[in-house]
């Protein structure tokens, strides 16, 4: 394979990765562009300016702005500065994947608590519904436990 073919192959793999992560994010209820931003930052592994993100992903600055705010709020990326440059730059945070798992664990914990609140309102005489609702709460408690263990394992690797 020639150098030109290798460069073309690498560029194709990068573009494919960025699009796949965008689709995964979209399937999880997130904006596709947020997934693409995360994928580009992850793949490239360097600080990228706000303007470069918009240009490279061929999307509006507004889409980039909402995407980076969402990714920052989920502690997946962070805003960084470059000496002598007034632009905002972004990069993936350390422990991004552990942060992602911990956010999922928190959602599972909240779901379990909400279901348990409902369970408390079901009369004791309603044994069938109580058992089924309790099983549903137990599902979320087990998810929380498993996700917390996963996050701990990811943090130990870093």
Protein backbone atom coordinates (compact mmCIF):
# COMPACT_ATOMS: atom_id res chain seq x y z
CA UNK A 1 0.00 0.00 0.00
CA UNK A 2 1.38 3.40 -0.98
CA UNK A 3 1.65 6.29 1.42
CA UNK A 4 -1.21 8.04 -0.39
CA UNK A 5 -3.38 4.93 0.00
CA UNK A 6 -2.51 4.73 3.70
CA UNK A 7 -3.46 8.38 4.22
CA UNK A 8 -6.72 7.84 2.33
CA UNK A 9 -7.45 4.72 4.37
CA UNK A 10 -6.75 6.53 7.66
CA UNK A 11 -8.96 9.47 6.64
CA UNK A 12 -11.74 7.07 5.69
CA UNK A 13 -11.46 5.21 9.01
CA UNK A 14 -11.59 8.54 10.89
CA UNK A 15 -14.65 9.77 8.98
CA UNK A 16 -16.39 6.43 9.48
CA UNK A 17 -15.66 6.48 13.22
CA UNK A 18 -17.00 10.02 13.60
CA UNK A 19 -20.22 9.13 11.77
CA UNK A 20 -20.71 5.89 13.70
CA UNK A 21 -20.34 7.63 17.06
CA UNK A 22 -22.80 10.28 15.87
CA UNK A 23 -25.31 7.54 15.07
CA UNK A 24 -24.70 5.82 18.42
CA UNK A 25 -25.27 9.11 20.26
CA UNK A 26 -28.47 9.67 18.31
CA UNK A 27 -29.71 6.16 19.14
CA UNK A 28 -29.16 7.01 22.83
CA UNK A 29 -31.30 10.15 22.59
CA UNK A 30 -28.46 12.65 22.19
CA UNK A 31 -27.94 14.99 19.27
CA UNK A 32 -25.99 13.33 16.49
CA UNK A 33 -23.69 16.34 16.25
CA UNK A 34 -22.74 16.02 19.93
CA UNK A 35 -21.65 12.44 19.21
CA UNK A 36 -19.68 13.59 16.20
CA UNK A 37 -17.94 16.31 18.25
CA UNK A 38 -17.00 13.81 20.94
CA UNK A 39 -15.78 11.33 18.31
CA UNK A 40 -13.60 13.90 16.58
CA UNK A 41 -12.03 15.05 19.84
CA UNK A 42 -11.51 11.45 20.92
CA UNK A 43 -10.07 10.25 17.61
CA UNK A 44 -7.75 13.22 17.10
CA UNK A 45 -6.70 13.40 20.76
CA UNK A 46 -5.86 17.08 20.66
CA UNK A 47 -7.33 20.45 21.54
CA UNK A 48 -9.63 21.67 18.78
CA UNK A 49 -10.98 25.18 18.36
CA UNK A 50 -14.68 25.95 18.25
CA UNK A 51 -14.34 27.24 14.69
CA UNK A 52 -12.38 24.20 13.54
CA UNK A 53 -15.06 21.87 14.93
CA UNK A 54 -17.76 23.68 12.94
CA UNK A 55 -15.69 23.69 9.75
CA UNK A 56 -14.42 20.10 10.01
CA UNK A 57 -17.86 18.65 10.84
CA UNK A 58 -19.57 20.97 8.32
CA UNK A 59 -22.21 22.15 10.78
CA UNK A 60 -23.31 25.52 12.08
CA UNK A 61 -21.59 27.27 14.96
CA UNK A 62 -24.93 27.12 16.79
CA UNK A 63 -24.97 23.33 16.55
CA UNK A 64 -21.41 23.18 17.83
CA UNK A 65 -22.25 25.56 20.67
CA UNK A 66 -25.19 23.48 21.93
CA UNK A 67 -23.23 20.26 21.49
CA UNK A 68 -20.17 21.39 23.41
CA UNK A 69 -22.34 22.78 26.22
CA UNK A 70 -24.06 19.40 26.51
CA UNK A 71 -20.78 17.46 26.42
CA UNK A 72 -19.25 19.82 29.00
CA UNK A 73 -22.25 19.41 31.31
CA UNK A 74 -21.83 15.64 31.10
CA UNK A 75 -18.13 16.04 31.96
CA UNK A 76 -17.00 14.41 28.73
CA UNK A 77 -15.10 17.36 27.28
CA UNK A 78 -13.61 20.52 28.72
CA UNK A 79 -12.90 24.01 27.48
CA UNK A 80 -9.20 24.84 27.41
CA UNK A 81 -7.13 27.86 26.40
CA UNK A 82 -4.13 28.23 24.18
CA UNK A 83 -1.60 30.86 25.19
CA UNK A 84 -1.96 33.96 23.06
CA UNK A 85 -5.20 32.79 21.42
CA UNK A 86 -8.65 34.13 22.33
CA UNK A 87 -10.56 31.24 20.78
CA UNK A 88 -12.17 28.51 22.83
CA UNK A 89 -10.61 25.08 22.45
CA UNK A 90 -12.03 21.74 23.57
CA UNK A 91 -10.59 18.36 24.45
CA UNK A 92 -11.80 15.10 25.98
CA UNK A 93 -11.50 15.06 29.78
CA UNK A 94 -9.56 12.46 31.71
CA UNK A 95 -11.91 9.69 32.88
CA UNK A 96 -14.54 10.66 30.31
CA UNK A 97 -15.87 7.12 30.07
CA UNK A 98 -16.05 6.67 33.83
CA UNK A 99 -17.97 9.97 33.96
CA UNK A 100 -20.35 8.66 31.31
CA UNK A 101 -20.96 5.46 33.27
CA UNK A 102 -21.43 7.37 36.53
CA UNK A 103 -24.07 9.56 34.86
CA UNK A 104 -25.91 6.40 33.76
CA UNK A 105 -25.67 5.03 37.31
CA UNK A 106 -27.16 8.26 38.68
CA UNK A 107 -30.07 7.99 36.24
CA UNK A 108 -30.64 4.36 37.29
CA UNK A 109 -30.55 5.40 40.96
CA UNK A 110 -33.13 8.13 40.36
CA UNK A 111 -35.38 5.74 38.43
CA UNK A 112 -35.20 3.19 41.24
CA UNK A 113 -36.08 5.85 43.83
CA UNK A 114 -39.05 7.05 41.76
CA UNK A 115 -40.33 3.50 41.29
CA UNK A 116 -39.89 2.79 45.01
CA UNK A 117 -41.92 5.93 45.80
CA UNK A 118 -44.71 4.50 43.64
CA UNK A 119 -44.33 1.14 45.34
CA UNK A 120 -44.93 2.79 48.71
CA UNK A 121 -48.26 4.10 47.41
CA UNK A 122 -49.53 0.67 46.31
CA UNK A 123 -51.69 -0.91 49.02
CA UNK A 124 -50.28 -4.06 50.65
CA UNK A 125 -53.39 -5.92 49.48
CA UNK A 126 -52.23 -5.48 45.85
CA UNK A 127 -49.62 -8.24 46.03
CA UNK A 128 -49.28 -8.83 42.26
CA UNK A 129 -48.66 -5.20 41.33
CA UNK A 130 -46.38 -4.73 44.35
CA UNK A 131 -44.21 -7.71 43.34
CA UNK A 132 -43.94 -6.55 39.75
CA UNK A 133 -43.17 -2.95 40.70
CA UNK A 134 -40.63 -4.12 43.30
CA UNK A 135 -38.95 -6.23 40.61
CA UNK A 136 -38.77 -3.19 38.38
CA UNK A 137 -37.13 -1.14 41.16
CA UNK A 138 -34.71 -4.02 41.83
CA UNK A 139 -33.74 -3.97 38.15
CA UNK A 140 -32.68 -0.32 38.42
CA UNK A 141 -30.88 -0.91 41.73
CA UNK A 142 -28.92 -3.75 40.11
CA UNK A 143 -28.11 -1.49 37.14
CA UNK A 144 -26.87 1.18 39.54
CA UNK A 145 -24.67 -1.32 41.38
CA UNK A 146 -23.22 -2.72 38.17
CA UNK A 147 -22.58 0.69 36.67
CA UNK A 148 -20.88 1.95 39.83
CA UNK A 149 -18.56 -1.09 39.74
CA UNK A 150 -17.85 -0.44 36.07
CA UNK A 151 -17.01 3.22 36.73
CA UNK A 152 -14.66 2.22 39.54
CA UNK A 153 -12.91 -0.27 37.25
CA UNK A 154 -12.52 2.39 34.55
CA UNK A 155 -11.06 4.87 37.02
CA UNK A 156 -8.52 2.28 38.25
CA UNK A 157 -7.32 1.81 34.65
CA UNK A 158 -6.52 5.51 34.21
